[in-house]
Amino acid sequence: MAEEENGNNMQEVLAQLQQQAPKKKWSDTCKELFEKINAMDPKDRLEYSTCVFDIIQAIMFSMQGWTQWYKIQFQTAFNKKPLSDMNEEDWKAIFCFFKEIGAAILNYDMNFTKAVEDRQEKEREEKLQKKEKTVKKKSTYVS
């Protein structure tokens, strides 16, 4: 599998990064995840699904970091202290980024899920129609 060739799977990498977090710069941690994701080269369905899962975990790890950082910023503002060195332009840039990415992820989720739901519904209907035809054939026999 592609990940095994690289030495570690993403779960191991994330576990190592979480243990090293206090000792390591956040930007270095993100760089490692970024490089790990960019190095992914799945060859088959199983590898694709594993890589997708690993990317989701990396995104969740990043979002946990953003959440922790944001809580610190919010608590600072709530306590009437300056919002560190963040100015309005910084907040605007963060907002624009997350608005774009958040909308893209949710839009993809919505469209992909709808397509799967539609396909499953069609398969159920076809199965039901096939079953009804079978029942009709059986009921037409007279002995």
N, C-alpha and C. Protein backbone atom coordinates (compact mmCIF):
# COMPACT_ATOMS: atom_id res chain seq x y z
N MET A 1 0.83 -1.17 0.00
CA MET A 1 0.00 0.00 0.00
C MET A 1 0.89 1.25 0.00
N ALA A 2 0.44 2.33 -0.59
CA ALA A 2 1.25 3.53 -0.75
C ALA A 2 1.74 4.07 0.59
N GLU A 3 0.88 4.08 1.61
CA GLU A 3 1.28 4.62 2.90
C GLU A 3 2.35 3.76 3.55
N GLU A 4 2.20 2.45 3.44
CA GLU A 4 3.16 1.56 4.07
C GLU A 4 4.53 1.73 3.43
N GLU A 5 4.55 2.04 2.13
CA GLU A 5 5.81 2.28 1.46
C GLU A 5 6.49 3.52 2.03
N ASN A 6 5.71 4.51 2.46
CA ASN A 6 6.26 5.74 3.01
C ASN A 6 6.69 5.58 4.46
N GLY A 7 6.38 4.46 5.09
CA GLY A 7 6.86 4.23 6.44
C GLY A 7 5.79 4.30 7.50
N ASN A 8 4.98 5.30 7.51
CA ASN A 8 3.96 5.49 8.54
C ASN A 8 2.60 5.74 7.88
N ASN A 9 1.56 5.28 8.56
CA ASN A 9 0.26 5.71 8.08
C ASN A 9 -0.11 7.01 8.79
N MET A 10 -1.16 7.66 8.33
CA MET A 10 -1.50 8.99 8.84
C MET A 10 -1.85 8.94 10.33
N GLN A 11 -2.48 7.86 10.79
CA GLN A 11 -2.82 7.77 12.21
C GLN A 11 -1.56 7.82 13.07
N GLU A 12 -0.54 7.12 12.65
CA GLU A 12 0.72 7.13 13.38
C GLU A 12 1.36 8.51 13.34
N VAL A 13 1.32 9.13 12.18
CA VAL A 13 1.89 10.47 12.03
C VAL A 13 1.16 11.45 12.95
N LEU A 14 -0.19 11.41 12.94
CA LEU A 14 -0.97 12.31 13.78
C LEU A 14 -0.69 12.07 15.26
N ALA A 15 -0.59 10.80 15.65
CA ALA A 15 -0.29 10.48 17.05
C ALA A 15 1.08 11.04 17.44
N GLN A 16 2.05 10.89 16.57
CA GLN A 16 3.39 11.42 16.84
C GLN A 16 3.36 12.94 16.94
N LEU A 17 2.62 13.57 16.03
CA LEU A 17 2.54 15.03 16.03
C LEU A 17 1.87 15.56 17.29
N GLN A 18 0.83 14.87 17.75
CA GLN A 18 0.15 15.30 18.97
C GLN A 18 1.07 15.18 20.18
N GLN A 19 1.89 14.15 20.22
CA GLN A 19 2.83 13.97 21.33
C GLN A 19 3.92 15.04 21.29
N GLN A 20 4.31 15.44 20.10
CA GLN A 20 5.40 16.40 19.94
C GLN A 20 4.89 17.84 19.98
N ALA A 21 3.57 18.04 19.98
CA ALA A 21 2.98 19.37 19.83
C ALA A 21 3.63 20.44 20.70
N PRO A 22 3.82 20.21 22.00
CA PRO A 22 4.41 21.28 22.79
C PRO A 22 5.85 21.61 22.39
N LYS A 23 6.54 20.66 21.80
CA LYS A 23 7.94 20.84 21.46
C LYS A 23 8.13 21.41 20.05
N LYS A 24 7.08 21.41 19.27
CA LYS A 24 7.19 21.71 17.85
C LYS A 24 6.36 22.92 17.47
N LYS A 25 6.82 23.68 16.50
CA LYS A 25 6.04 24.80 15.98
C LYS A 25 4.83 24.24 15.22
N TRP A 26 3.71 24.94 15.35
CA TRP A 26 2.50 24.50 14.66
C TRP A 26 2.72 24.50 13.14
N SER A 27 3.44 25.50 12.63
CA SER A 27 3.68 25.58 11.19
C SER A 27 4.47 24.38 10.69
N ASP A 28 5.40 23.86 11.52
CA ASP A 28 6.16 22.67 11.13
C ASP A 28 5.26 21.44 11.10
N THR A 29 4.34 21.37 12.07
CA THR A 29 3.39 20.27 12.11
C THR A 29 2.52 20.28 10.85
N CYS A 30 2.01 21.46 10.51
CA CYS A 30 1.18 21.58 9.31
C CYS A 30 1.96 21.22 8.05
N LYS A 31 3.22 21.63 8.01
CA LYS A 31 4.07 21.32 6.86
C LYS A 31 4.22 19.81 6.69
N GLU A 32 4.42 19.09 7.80
CA GLU A 32 4.53 17.63 7.74
C GLU A 32 3.27 16.99 7.17
N LEU A 33 2.11 17.45 7.68
CA LEU A 33 0.83 16.91 7.19
C LEU A 33 0.65 17.24 5.71
N PHE A 34 0.98 18.47 5.34
CA PHE A 34 0.87 18.91 3.95
C PHE A 34 1.72 18.03 3.04
N GLU A 35 2.96 17.78 3.44
CA GLU A 35 3.86 16.96 2.63
C GLU A 35 3.37 15.51 2.55
N LYS A 36 2.85 15.02 3.67
CA LYS A 36 2.33 13.64 3.69
C LYS A 36 1.15 13.51 2.72
N ILE A 37 0.26 14.49 2.74
CA ILE A 37 -0.89 14.45 1.84
C ILE A 37 -0.43 14.58 0.38
N ASN A 38 0.48 15.51 0.11
CA ASN A 38 0.95 15.69 -1.27
C ASN A 38 1.71 14.48 -1.80
N ALA A 39 2.28 13.68 -0.90
CA ALA A 39 3.02 12.48 -1.32
C ALA A 39 2.09 11.30 -1.61
N MET A 40 0.83 11.42 -1.22
CA MET A 40 -0.10 10.32 -1.44
C MET A 40 -0.27 10.06 -2.93
N ASP A 41 -0.24 8.78 -3.29
CA ASP A 41 -0.41 8.38 -4.68
C ASP A 41 -1.15 7.04 -4.72
N PRO A 42 -2.43 7.07 -4.38
CA PRO A 42 -3.17 5.80 -4.32
C PRO A 42 -3.27 5.12 -5.68
N LYS A 43 -3.26 3.78 -5.63
CA LYS A 43 -3.27 2.99 -6.87
C LYS A 43 -4.57 2.22 -7.08
N ASP A 44 -5.34 2.03 -6.02
CA ASP A 44 -6.58 1.26 -6.18
C ASP A 44 -7.64 1.78 -5.22
N ARG A 45 -8.80 1.17 -5.25
CA ARG A 45 -9.94 1.62 -4.47
C ARG A 45 -9.64 1.64 -2.98
N LEU A 46 -9.00 0.62 -2.47
CA LEU A 46 -8.68 0.56 -1.05
C LEU A 46 -7.73 1.69 -0.66
N GLU A 47 -6.72 1.91 -1.47
CA GLU A 47 -5.77 2.99 -1.16
C GLU A 47 -6.44 4.36 -1.25
N TYR A 48 -7.33 4.55 -2.24
CA TYR A 48 -8.07 5.81 -2.32
C TYR A 48 -8.88 6.04 -1.05
N SER A 49 -9.60 5.00 -0.61
CA SER A 49 -10.43 5.16 0.58
C SER A 49 -9.58 5.42 1.82
N THR A 50 -8.45 4.76 1.93
CA THR A 50 -7.56 4.98 3.07
C THR A 50 -6.99 6.39 3.04
N CYS A 51 -6.60 6.85 1.88
CA CYS A 51 -6.05 8.21 1.75
C CYS A 51 -7.10 9.26 2.08
N VAL A 52 -8.33 9.05 1.63
CA VAL A 52 -9.41 10.00 1.95
C VAL A 52 -9.58 10.07 3.46
N PHE A 53 -9.60 8.91 4.12
CA PHE A 53 -9.73 8.88 5.57
C PHE A 53 -8.57 9.63 6.23
N ASP A 54 -7.36 9.41 5.75
CA ASP A 54 -6.19 10.07 6.31
C ASP A 54 -6.26 11.59 6.12
N ILE A 55 -6.74 12.03 4.97
CA ILE A 55 -6.88 13.47 4.72
C ILE A 55 -7.92 14.06 5.66
N ILE A 56 -9.03 13.36 5.85
CA ILE A 56 -10.06 13.83 6.78
C ILE A 56 -9.47 13.96 8.19
N GLN A 57 -8.67 12.98 8.60
CA GLN A 57 -8.03 13.06 9.93
C GLN A 57 -7.09 14.26 10.01
N ALA A 58 -6.35 14.51 8.97
CA ALA A 58 -5.42 15.65 8.97
C ALA A 58 -6.20 16.96 9.05
N ILE A 59 -7.31 17.04 8.32
CA ILE A 59 -8.14 18.25 8.38
C ILE A 59 -8.71 18.42 9.80
N MET A 60 -9.18 17.31 10.38
CA MET A 60 -9.71 17.39 11.75
C MET A 60 -8.62 17.85 12.73
N PHE A 61 -7.41 17.35 12.57
CA PHE A 61 -6.29 17.75 13.42
C PHE A 61 -6.06 19.26 13.28
N SER A 62 -6.07 19.74 12.05
CA SER A 62 -5.89 21.16 11.80
C SER A 62 -7.03 21.98 12.40
N MET A 63 -8.26 21.51 12.23
CA MET A 63 -9.41 22.23 12.77
C MET A 63 -9.39 22.27 14.30
N GLN A 64 -8.89 21.20 14.92
CA GLN A 64 -8.73 21.22 16.38
C GLN A 64 -7.74 22.31 16.79
N GLY A 65 -6.67 22.44 16.03
CA GLY A 65 -5.69 23.49 16.30
C GLY A 65 -6.30 24.87 16.14
N TRP A 66 -7.05 25.08 15.04
CA TRP A 66 -7.72 26.36 14.83
C TRP A 66 -8.71 26.64 15.95
N THR A 67 -9.43 25.61 16.39
CA THR A 67 -10.42 25.79 17.46
C THR A 67 -9.73 26.21 18.75
N GLN A 68 -8.64 25.55 19.09
CA GLN A 68 -7.91 25.92 20.30
C GLN A 68 -7.39 27.35 20.20
N TRP A 69 -6.82 27.68 19.06
CA TRP A 69 -6.29 29.03 18.85
C TRP A 69 -7.41 30.05 18.96
N TYR A 70 -8.55 29.76 18.33
CA TYR A 70 -9.67 30.70 18.35
C TYR A 70 -10.20 30.91 19.77
N LYS A 71 -10.29 29.83 20.55
CA LYS A 71 -10.75 29.96 21.94
C LYS A 71 -9.85 30.89 22.73
N ILE A 72 -8.55 30.79 22.50
CA ILE A 72 -7.61 31.68 23.18
C ILE A 72 -7.88 33.12 22.75
N GLN A 73 -8.08 33.34 21.44
CA GLN A 73 -8.37 34.68 20.94
C GLN A 73 -9.67 35.22 21.53
N PHE A 74 -10.69 34.38 21.58
CA PHE A 74 -12.00 34.79 22.09
C PHE A 74 -11.91 35.10 23.57
N GLN A 75 -11.24 34.26 24.33
CA GLN A 75 -11.11 34.49 25.77
C GLN A 75 -10.36 35.79 26.04
N THR A 76 -9.36 36.07 25.22
CA THR A 76 -8.61 37.31 25.36
C THR A 76 -9.53 38.50 25.11
N ALA A 77 -10.35 38.43 24.06
CA ALA A 77 -11.27 39.52 23.74
C ALA A 77 -12.34 39.66 24.83
N PHE A 78 -12.82 38.55 25.33
CA PHE A 78 -13.85 38.55 26.37
C PHE A 78 -13.34 39.21 27.65
N ASN A 79 -12.07 39.01 27.93
CA ASN A 79 -11.46 39.60 29.12
C ASN A 79 -10.98 41.03 28.87
N LYS A 80 -11.44 41.61 27.78
CA LYS A 80 -11.13 43.01 27.43
C LYS A 80 -9.63 43.26 27.22
N LYS A 81 -8.95 42.22 26.83
CA LYS A 81 -7.54 42.36 26.51
C LYS A 81 -7.42 42.45 24.99
N PRO A 82 -6.37 43.01 24.49
CA PRO A 82 -6.20 43.10 23.04
C PRO A 82 -6.17 41.70 22.40
N LEU A 83 -6.69 41.60 21.19
CA LEU A 83 -6.69 40.33 20.46
C LEU A 83 -5.29 40.08 19.89
N SER A 84 -4.37 39.79 20.76
CA SER A 84 -2.98 39.57 20.42
C SER A 84 -2.54 40.57 19.36
N ASP A 85 -1.94 40.11 18.31
CA ASP A 85 -1.49 41.03 17.26
C ASP A 85 -2.38 40.93 16.03
N MET A 86 -3.61 40.45 16.21
CA MET A 86 -4.54 40.28 15.10
C MET A 86 -5.26 41.59 14.81
N ASN A 87 -5.17 42.04 13.57
CA ASN A 87 -5.92 43.23 13.20
C ASN A 87 -7.12 42.83 12.34
N GLU A 88 -7.90 43.80 11.96
CA GLU A 88 -9.13 43.51 11.20
C GLU A 88 -8.82 42.81 9.88
N GLU A 89 -7.76 43.19 9.23
CA GLU A 89 -7.39 42.55 7.96
C GLU A 89 -7.04 41.08 8.16
N ASP A 90 -6.37 40.77 9.26
CA ASP A 90 -6.06 39.37 9.58
C ASP A 90 -7.35 38.57 9.75
N TRP A 91 -8.28 39.14 10.53
CA TRP A 91 -9.55 38.44 10.77
C TRP A 91 -10.34 38.31 9.47
N LYS A 92 -10.29 39.34 8.65
CA LYS A 92 -11.00 39.30 7.36
C LYS A 92 -10.42 38.20 6.47
N ALA A 93 -9.11 38.09 6.43
CA ALA A 93 -8.46 37.06 5.61
C ALA A 93 -8.84 35.66 6.11
N ILE A 94 -8.82 35.47 7.43
CA ILE A 94 -9.20 34.17 8.00
C ILE A 94 -10.65 33.86 7.66
N PHE A 95 -11.52 34.85 7.84
CA PHE A 95 -12.94 34.67 7.53
C PHE A 95 -13.13 34.28 6.07
N CYS A 96 -12.53 35.01 5.16
CA CYS A 96 -12.70 34.73 3.73
C CYS A 96 -12.21 33.32 3.37
N PHE A 97 -11.08 32.93 3.93
CA PHE A 97 -10.54 31.59 3.68
C PHE A 97 -11.51 30.52 4.16
N PHE A 98 -11.94 30.63 5.43
CA PHE A 98 -12.82 29.60 5.98
C PHE A 98 -14.19 29.62 5.35
N LYS A 99 -14.66 30.78 4.94
CA LYS A 99 -15.96 30.85 4.25
C LYS A 99 -15.87 30.09 2.93
N GLU A 100 -14.82 30.32 2.17
CA GLU A 100 -14.65 29.65 0.88
C GLU A 100 -14.48 28.14 1.04
N ILE A 101 -13.57 27.75 1.93
CA ILE A 101 -13.29 26.33 2.14
C ILE A 101 -14.50 25.63 2.75
N GLY A 102 -15.11 26.25 3.76
CA GLY A 102 -16.27 25.66 4.42
C GLY A 102 -17.42 25.46 3.44
N ALA A 103 -17.69 26.48 2.62
CA ALA A 103 -18.77 26.37 1.64
C ALA A 103 -18.44 25.30 0.61
N ALA A 104 -17.19 25.21 0.18
CA ALA A 104 -16.80 24.20 -0.82
C ALA A 104 -16.96 22.79 -0.26
N ILE A 105 -16.51 22.58 0.97
CA ILE A 105 -16.62 21.25 1.57
C ILE A 105 -18.09 20.87 1.75
N LEU A 106 -18.89 21.79 2.29
CA LEU A 106 -20.31 21.49 2.52
C LEU A 106 -21.06 21.31 1.20
N ASN A 107 -20.72 22.09 0.19
CA ASN A 107 -21.36 21.94 -1.13
C ASN A 107 -21.03 20.57 -1.72
N TYR A 108 -19.76 20.17 -1.64
CA TYR A 108 -19.37 18.86 -2.13
C TYR A 108 -20.09 17.76 -1.36
N ASP A 109 -20.12 17.90 -0.03
CA ASP A 109 -20.80 16.94 0.82
C ASP A 109 -22.27 16.81 0.40
N MET A 110 -22.94 17.94 0.26
CA MET A 110 -24.35 17.95 -0.12
C MET A 110 -24.56 17.27 -1.48
N ASN A 111 -23.79 17.65 -2.48
CA ASN A 111 -23.97 17.10 -3.82
C ASN A 111 -23.60 15.62 -3.90
N PHE A 112 -22.50 15.24 -3.27
CA PHE A 112 -22.07 13.85 -3.29
C PHE A 112 -23.10 12.98 -2.57
N THR A 113 -23.52 13.42 -1.38
CA THR A 113 -24.49 12.66 -0.60
C THR A 113 -25.81 12.53 -1.35
N LYS A 114 -26.25 13.59 -1.99
CA LYS A 114 -27.49 13.55 -2.77
C LYS A 114 -27.37 12.54 -3.90
N ALA A 115 -26.26 12.53 -4.59
CA ALA A 115 -26.05 11.58 -5.69
C ALA A 115 -26.08 10.13 -5.18
N VAL A 116 -25.45 9.89 -4.04
CA VAL A 116 -25.46 8.54 -3.46
C VAL A 116 -26.88 8.16 -3.04
N GLU A 117 -27.57 9.09 -2.39
CA GLU A 117 -28.95 8.82 -1.97
C GLU A 117 -29.84 8.52 -3.18
N ASP A 118 -29.68 9.30 -4.25
CA ASP A 118 -30.48 9.07 -5.47
C ASP A 118 -30.17 7.70 -6.07
N ARG A 119 -28.90 7.34 -6.12
CA ARG A 119 -28.51 6.04 -6.66
C ARG A 119 -29.08 4.91 -5.81
N GLN A 120 -29.01 5.05 -4.49
CA GLN A 120 -29.56 4.03 -3.60
C GLN A 120 -31.07 3.91 -3.76
N GLU A 121 -31.74 5.04 -3.90
CA GLU A 121 -33.19 5.03 -4.09
C GLU A 121 -33.55 4.33 -5.41
N LYS A 122 -32.81 4.62 -6.46
CA LYS A 122 -33.04 3.98 -7.75
C LYS A 122 -32.83 2.47 -7.65
N GLU A 123 -31.78 2.06 -6.95
CA GLU A 123 -31.51 0.63 -6.78
C GLU A 123 -32.63 -0.04 -5.99
N ARG A 124 -33.15 0.64 -4.95
CA ARG A 124 -34.27 0.09 -4.18
C ARG A 124 -35.52 -0.06 -5.05
N GLU A 125 -35.78 0.96 -5.87
CA GLU A 125 -36.95 0.90 -6.75
C GLU A 125 -36.82 -0.23 -7.76
N GLU A 126 -35.64 -0.37 -8.35
CA GLU A 126 -35.41 -1.45 -9.31
C GLU A 126 -35.58 -2.82 -8.66
N LYS A 127 -35.07 -2.94 -7.45
CA LYS A 127 -35.19 -4.20 -6.72
C LYS A 127 -36.66 -4.49 -6.40
N LEU A 128 -37.40 -3.46 -6.02
CA LEU A 128 -38.82 -3.62 -5.73
C LEU A 128 -39.60 -4.00 -6.99
N GLN A 129 -39.30 -3.35 -8.11
CA GLN A 129 -39.96 -3.68 -9.37
C GLN A 129 -39.65 -5.11 -9.78
N LYS A 130 -38.42 -5.53 -9.61
CA LYS A 130 -38.03 -6.89 -9.95
C LYS A 130 -38.79 -7.89 -9.07
N LYS A 131 -38.91 -7.56 -7.81
CA LYS A 131 -39.63 -8.41 -6.86
C LYS A 131 -41.12 -8.49 -7.24
N GLU A 132 -41.71 -7.35 -7.62
CA GLU A 132 -43.12 -7.33 -8.03
C GLU A 132 -43.35 -8.17 -9.28
N LYS A 133 -42.42 -8.11 -10.23
CA LYS A 133 -42.54 -8.92 -11.45
C LYS A 133 -42.49 -10.40 -11.10
N THR A 134 -41.61 -10.75 -10.16
CA THR A 134 -41.49 -12.14 -9.73
C THR A 134 -42.79 -12.60 -9.08
N VAL A 135 -43.39 -11.77 -8.26
CA VAL A 135 -44.64 -12.11 -7.58
C VAL A 135 -45.76 -12.26 -8.62
N LYS A 136 -45.83 -11.38 -9.61
CA LYS A 136 -46.85 -11.46 -10.66
C LYS A 136 -46.71 -12.75 -11.45
N LYS A 137 -45.47 -13.12 -11.78
CA LYS A 137 -45.25 -14.36 -12.53
C LYS A 137 -45.74 -15.55 -11.74
N LYS A 138 -45.47 -15.57 -10.45
CA LYS A 138 -45.88 -16.69 -9.62
C LYS A 138 -47.40 -16.74 -9.51
N SER A 139 -48.04 -15.61 -9.44
CA SER A 139 -49.49 -15.58 -9.24
C SER A 139 -50.26 -15.91 -10.50
N THR A 140 -49.64 -15.85 -11.67
CA THR A 140 -50.36 -16.18 -12.92
C THR A 140 -50.47 -17.66 -13.18
N TYR A 141 -49.72 -18.44 -12.45
CA TYR A 141 -49.80 -19.89 -12.64
C TYR A 141 -51.07 -20.42 -11.99
N VAL A 142 -51.79 -21.22 -12.77
CA VAL A 142 -53.00 -21.84 -12.23
C VAL A 142 -52.83 -23.33 -12.31
N SER A 143 -53.19 -24.01 -11.24
CA SER A 143 -53.03 -25.46 -11.28
C SER A 143 -54.35 -26.14 -11.34
